[in-house]
Structure formats: structure tokens, C-alpha cells
Amino acid sequence: MILCSIAVIADALPKFSATFKEHYKVAKGSNLDKAGCMLCHTSPKGKALNAYGTDLKAQLKAAGSKKLSSDMLVKVEPMDSTKTGMTNGQKIKKDINPGIK
């Protein structure tokens, strides 16, 4: 039972990254492409969420969903998750990971 739970969690992460990359048409080899799990997490191992991941988690919770959608990504674009003075959308357009300062 525990192994099944771990497999489901591990399987979800690449799907989130794939949804992001598909929605934003992320170029192969770009900073956003290389970020992988760290688009939403503080480390490549994917445990703790960064600020952008926390904002996306709130969207998932509000939608009562476990599946990331393009609509959710659009809803967090005007936010400044990391409080740097740039919105998530601005960072993404400049190939900057929206989850890091």
C-alpha cells in the first residue's frame, strides 16, 4: 500500500512539469526546461514547495483537483509569488523560474 502511494506521488510530479512546459511552450534546454521539479519545489527531490508551488497548490485546492490545468497556471501569472517585483507571468516570459528569487 505504501509503495503504491509513493508511486502515485512520484508519478504526479512529471505530469505537473509537462503541463507547465506544454502550456508555456517551453524551449528545450531553456532555464525553465532545466528547472524540472524545481519549478514548484525547493529541491530536485521535490518535497517542500517553493512560493510558486505554494500558489499553485492553493489553485489546486480551490478547484478541488489533483490535476494541474492551464487555467490554474493562468490564474497565478499576475501574482508575484516570490515578492521580487516581477509577476510570475513576467518571469516565465523572460525564462526565469517563477519559484525562485
N, C-alpha and C. Protein backbone atom coordinates (compact mmCIF):
# COMPACT_ATOMS: atom_id res chain seq x y z
N MET A 1 0.82 -1.19 0.00
CA MET A 1 0.00 0.00 0.00
C MET A 1 0.87 1.25 0.00
N ILE A 2 1.90 1.27 0.84
CA ILE A 2 2.78 2.43 0.91
C ILE A 2 3.50 2.63 -0.42
N LEU A 3 3.97 1.56 -1.03
CA LEU A 3 4.66 1.67 -2.31
C LEU A 3 3.76 2.25 -3.38
N CYS A 4 2.50 1.88 -3.38
CA CYS A 4 1.56 2.43 -4.35
C CYS A 4 1.41 3.93 -4.16
N SER A 5 1.33 4.38 -2.92
CA SER A 5 1.20 5.80 -2.62
C SER A 5 2.43 6.56 -3.09
N ILE A 6 3.59 6.01 -2.85
CA ILE A 6 4.83 6.65 -3.29
C ILE A 6 4.87 6.74 -4.81
N ALA A 7 4.46 5.69 -5.48
CA ALA A 7 4.47 5.70 -6.94
C ALA A 7 3.53 6.75 -7.50
N VAL A 8 2.36 6.92 -6.89
CA VAL A 8 1.40 7.92 -7.35
C VAL A 8 1.97 9.31 -7.17
N ILE A 9 2.59 9.58 -6.01
CA ILE A 9 3.18 10.89 -5.76
C ILE A 9 4.31 11.16 -6.74
N ALA A 10 5.20 10.22 -6.93
CA ALA A 10 6.33 10.41 -7.83
C ALA A 10 5.86 10.59 -9.27
N ASP A 11 4.80 9.89 -9.64
CA ASP A 11 4.27 9.99 -10.99
C ASP A 11 3.61 11.34 -11.24
N ALA A 12 3.08 11.98 -10.21
CA ALA A 12 2.37 13.25 -10.38
C ALA A 12 3.32 14.37 -10.76
N LEU A 13 4.53 14.35 -10.24
CA LEU A 13 5.47 15.45 -10.46
C LEU A 13 5.80 15.66 -11.93
N PRO A 14 6.18 14.65 -12.68
CA PRO A 14 6.47 14.88 -14.09
C PRO A 14 5.26 15.39 -14.86
N LYS A 15 4.06 15.00 -14.46
CA LYS A 15 2.86 15.48 -15.14
C LYS A 15 2.67 16.98 -14.92
N PHE A 16 2.96 17.47 -13.72
CA PHE A 16 2.86 18.90 -13.44
C PHE A 16 3.84 19.65 -14.32
N SER A 17 5.07 19.18 -14.37
CA SER A 17 6.11 19.81 -15.18
C SER A 17 5.72 19.78 -16.66
N ALA A 18 5.19 18.66 -17.11
CA ALA A 18 4.79 18.52 -18.51
C ALA A 18 3.65 19.48 -18.84
N THR A 19 2.70 19.65 -17.93
CA THR A 19 1.59 20.59 -18.15
C THR A 19 2.13 22.01 -18.28
N PHE A 20 3.05 22.38 -17.40
CA PHE A 20 3.67 23.71 -17.43
C PHE A 20 4.39 23.91 -18.77
N LYS A 21 5.23 22.95 -19.14
CA LYS A 21 6.03 23.08 -20.35
C LYS A 21 5.16 23.13 -21.60
N GLU A 22 4.10 22.37 -21.62
CA GLU A 22 3.19 22.37 -22.76
C GLU A 22 2.45 23.70 -22.84
N HIS A 23 1.93 24.16 -21.71
CA HIS A 23 1.16 25.41 -21.69
C HIS A 23 2.01 26.59 -22.15
N TYR A 24 3.24 26.67 -21.66
CA TYR A 24 4.10 27.81 -21.97
C TYR A 24 5.03 27.57 -23.17
N LYS A 25 4.89 26.43 -23.81
CA LYS A 25 5.74 26.10 -24.96
C LYS A 25 7.22 26.32 -24.62
N VAL A 26 7.63 25.72 -23.53
CA VAL A 26 8.99 25.87 -23.00
C VAL A 26 9.99 25.24 -23.97
N ALA A 27 10.99 26.03 -24.35
CA ALA A 27 12.02 25.55 -25.27
C ALA A 27 12.96 24.57 -24.58
N LYS A 28 13.30 23.52 -25.30
CA LYS A 28 14.23 22.52 -24.77
C LYS A 28 15.57 23.19 -24.49
N GLY A 29 16.12 22.93 -23.31
CA GLY A 29 17.41 23.49 -22.92
C GLY A 29 17.32 24.86 -22.27
N SER A 30 16.11 25.44 -22.21
CA SER A 30 15.93 26.75 -21.57
C SER A 30 16.03 26.61 -20.05
N ASN A 31 16.11 27.73 -19.37
CA ASN A 31 16.16 27.70 -17.90
C ASN A 31 14.91 27.03 -17.33
N LEU A 32 13.75 27.33 -17.90
CA LEU A 32 12.51 26.73 -17.41
C LEU A 32 12.50 25.22 -17.65
N ASP A 33 13.03 24.79 -18.78
CA ASP A 33 13.11 23.36 -19.08
C ASP A 33 14.04 22.66 -18.08
N LYS A 34 15.17 23.29 -17.81
CA LYS A 34 16.15 22.70 -16.89
C LYS A 34 15.66 22.70 -15.44
N ALA A 35 14.74 23.58 -15.10
CA ALA A 35 14.26 23.68 -13.71
C ALA A 35 13.58 22.40 -13.25
N GLY A 36 12.87 21.72 -14.13
CA GLY A 36 12.20 20.47 -13.77
C GLY A 36 11.32 20.61 -12.55
N CYS A 37 11.54 19.76 -11.55
CA CYS A 37 10.73 19.77 -10.32
C CYS A 37 10.87 21.08 -9.54
N MET A 38 12.00 21.76 -9.78
CA MET A 38 12.24 22.99 -9.02
C MET A 38 11.41 24.18 -9.53
N LEU A 39 10.57 23.95 -10.54
CA LEU A 39 9.58 24.97 -10.89
C LEU A 39 8.67 25.20 -9.69
N CYS A 40 8.34 24.13 -8.98
CA CYS A 40 7.41 24.21 -7.85
C CYS A 40 8.02 23.83 -6.50
N HIS A 41 9.17 23.19 -6.52
CA HIS A 41 9.77 22.69 -5.29
C HIS A 41 11.11 23.36 -4.98
N THR A 42 11.52 23.28 -3.73
CA THR A 42 12.76 23.92 -3.30
C THR A 42 14.00 23.07 -3.58
N SER A 43 13.80 21.81 -3.94
CA SER A 43 14.93 20.94 -4.27
C SER A 43 14.50 19.96 -5.36
N PRO A 44 15.47 19.38 -6.07
CA PRO A 44 15.14 18.41 -7.11
C PRO A 44 14.43 17.17 -6.58
N LYS A 45 14.55 16.91 -5.29
CA LYS A 45 13.89 15.74 -4.70
C LYS A 45 12.39 15.97 -4.54
N GLY A 46 11.96 17.23 -4.66
CA GLY A 46 10.54 17.54 -4.73
C GLY A 46 9.73 17.48 -3.47
N LYS A 47 10.30 17.71 -2.31
CA LYS A 47 9.48 17.64 -1.09
C LYS A 47 8.81 18.98 -0.80
N ALA A 48 9.54 19.94 -0.27
CA ALA A 48 8.96 21.23 0.10
C ALA A 48 8.66 22.07 -1.15
N LEU A 49 7.55 22.78 -1.10
CA LEU A 49 7.16 23.66 -2.21
C LEU A 49 7.84 25.01 -2.08
N ASN A 50 8.20 25.60 -3.22
CA ASN A 50 8.65 26.98 -3.22
C ASN A 50 7.41 27.88 -3.27
N ALA A 51 7.59 29.18 -3.34
CA ALA A 51 6.47 30.12 -3.29
C ALA A 51 5.51 29.93 -4.47
N TYR A 52 6.04 29.70 -5.66
CA TYR A 52 5.20 29.47 -6.84
C TYR A 52 4.42 28.17 -6.68
N GLY A 53 5.08 27.14 -6.21
CA GLY A 53 4.41 25.87 -5.96
C GLY A 53 3.30 25.99 -4.93
N THR A 54 3.53 26.83 -3.92
CA THR A 54 2.51 27.07 -2.89
C THR A 54 1.29 27.75 -3.50
N ASP A 55 1.53 28.71 -4.39
CA ASP A 55 0.40 29.38 -5.06
C ASP A 55 -0.36 28.43 -5.97
N LEU A 56 0.36 27.55 -6.66
CA LEU A 56 -0.32 26.56 -7.50
C LEU A 56 -1.10 25.56 -6.65
N LYS A 57 -0.53 25.18 -5.51
CA LYS A 57 -1.23 24.26 -4.61
C LYS A 57 -2.55 24.87 -4.15
N ALA A 58 -2.55 26.17 -3.89
CA ALA A 58 -3.79 26.86 -3.49
C ALA A 58 -4.82 26.80 -4.62
N GLN A 59 -4.36 26.90 -5.86
CA GLN A 59 -5.28 26.79 -7.00
C GLN A 59 -5.86 25.38 -7.10
N LEU A 60 -5.02 24.39 -6.89
CA LEU A 60 -5.49 23.00 -6.92
C LEU A 60 -6.54 22.78 -5.84
N LYS A 61 -6.26 23.30 -4.65
CA LYS A 61 -7.19 23.14 -3.53
C LYS A 61 -8.51 23.85 -3.83
N ALA A 62 -8.44 25.07 -4.35
CA ALA A 62 -9.65 25.83 -4.67
C ALA A 62 -10.50 25.12 -5.72
N ALA A 63 -9.83 24.44 -6.65
CA ALA A 63 -10.54 23.72 -7.71
C ALA A 63 -10.96 22.32 -7.27
N GLY A 64 -10.49 21.90 -6.09
CA GLY A 64 -10.79 20.55 -5.63
C GLY A 64 -10.21 19.50 -6.56
N SER A 65 -9.01 19.78 -7.07
CA SER A 65 -8.40 18.91 -8.07
C SER A 65 -6.98 18.51 -7.67
N LYS A 66 -6.52 17.42 -8.22
CA LYS A 66 -5.13 16.99 -8.05
C LYS A 66 -4.39 17.10 -9.38
N LYS A 67 -5.09 17.60 -10.40
CA LYS A 67 -4.50 17.71 -11.73
C LYS A 67 -4.32 19.18 -12.08
N LEU A 68 -3.10 19.57 -12.37
CA LEU A 68 -2.79 20.93 -12.77
C LEU A 68 -3.36 21.21 -14.15
N SER A 69 -3.96 22.39 -14.31
CA SER A 69 -4.54 22.76 -15.60
C SER A 69 -3.96 24.08 -16.09
N SER A 70 -4.14 24.35 -17.36
CA SER A 70 -3.72 25.63 -17.93
C SER A 70 -4.42 26.79 -17.25
N ASP A 71 -5.69 26.62 -16.89
CA ASP A 71 -6.43 27.68 -16.20
C ASP A 71 -5.76 28.05 -14.88
N MET A 72 -5.29 27.07 -14.16
CA MET A 72 -4.61 27.33 -12.89
C MET A 72 -3.31 28.10 -13.11
N LEU A 73 -2.58 27.72 -14.14
CA LEU A 73 -1.33 28.41 -14.46
C LEU A 73 -1.61 29.88 -14.80
N VAL A 74 -2.67 30.11 -15.56
CA VAL A 74 -3.04 31.49 -15.93
C VAL A 74 -3.43 32.29 -14.70
N LYS A 75 -4.11 31.68 -13.76
CA LYS A 75 -4.55 32.39 -12.55
C LYS A 75 -3.39 32.86 -11.68
N VAL A 76 -2.26 32.17 -11.72
CA VAL A 76 -1.12 32.60 -10.90
C VAL A 76 -0.15 33.50 -11.66
N GLU A 77 -0.38 33.72 -12.95
CA GLU A 77 0.51 34.59 -13.74
C GLU A 77 0.60 36.01 -13.17
N PRO A 78 -0.52 36.65 -12.79
CA PRO A 78 -0.41 38.03 -12.28
C PRO A 78 0.15 38.14 -10.87
N MET A 79 0.32 37.02 -10.20
CA MET A 79 0.86 37.03 -8.84
C MET A 79 2.37 37.19 -8.87
N ASP A 80 2.91 37.71 -7.78
CA ASP A 80 4.36 37.80 -7.58
C ASP A 80 4.68 36.86 -6.42
N SER A 81 4.74 35.58 -6.71
CA SER A 81 4.90 34.56 -5.67
C SER A 81 6.12 34.80 -4.79
N THR A 82 7.21 35.26 -5.38
CA THR A 82 8.46 35.41 -4.63
C THR A 82 8.68 36.83 -4.11
N LYS A 83 7.71 37.71 -4.36
CA LYS A 83 7.78 39.11 -3.87
C LYS A 83 9.05 39.82 -4.35
N THR A 84 9.36 39.66 -5.64
CA THR A 84 10.55 40.29 -6.22
C THR A 84 10.22 41.52 -7.06
N GLY A 85 8.94 41.81 -7.23
CA GLY A 85 8.55 42.94 -8.07
C GLY A 85 8.24 42.53 -9.50
N MET A 86 8.40 41.26 -9.82
CA MET A 86 8.05 40.73 -11.14
C MET A 86 6.95 39.69 -10.96
N THR A 87 5.94 39.76 -11.81
CA THR A 87 4.89 38.75 -11.71
C THR A 87 5.42 37.41 -12.21
N ASN A 88 4.70 36.36 -11.85
CA ASN A 88 5.08 35.03 -12.33
C ASN A 88 5.08 35.00 -13.86
N GLY A 89 4.08 35.62 -14.46
CA GLY A 89 3.99 35.67 -15.92
C GLY A 89 5.18 36.38 -16.55
N GLN A 90 5.59 37.50 -15.95
CA GLN A 90 6.76 38.22 -16.47
C GLN A 90 8.01 37.36 -16.39
N LYS A 91 8.18 36.68 -15.27
CA LYS A 91 9.35 35.81 -15.11
C LYS A 91 9.35 34.71 -16.16
N ILE A 92 8.20 34.08 -16.34
CA ILE A 92 8.10 32.97 -17.30
C ILE A 92 8.45 33.45 -18.71
N LYS A 93 7.94 34.63 -19.10
CA LYS A 93 8.25 35.18 -20.43
C LYS A 93 9.74 35.44 -20.60
N LYS A 94 10.44 35.73 -19.50
CA LYS A 94 11.88 36.00 -19.55
C LYS A 94 12.72 34.76 -19.26
N ASP A 95 12.07 33.59 -19.24
CA ASP A 95 12.76 32.32 -19.00
C ASP A 95 13.40 32.27 -17.61
N ILE A 96 12.69 32.85 -16.63
CA ILE A 96 13.14 32.84 -15.24
C ILE A 96 12.17 31.96 -14.45
N ASN A 97 12.70 31.10 -13.64
CA ASN A 97 11.87 30.24 -12.79
C ASN A 97 11.04 31.13 -11.85
N PRO A 98 9.72 31.04 -11.92
CA PRO A 98 8.87 31.90 -11.08
C PRO A 98 8.91 31.54 -9.60
N GLY A 99 9.51 30.42 -9.26
CA GLY A 99 9.54 29.98 -7.87
C GLY A 99 10.79 30.35 -7.10
N ILE A 100 11.74 31.01 -7.76
CA ILE A 100 12.97 31.40 -7.05
C ILE A 100 13.16 32.91 -7.10
N LYS A 101 13.88 33.43 -6.12
CA LYS A 101 14.12 34.88 -6.06
C LYS A 101 15.29 35.25 -6.91
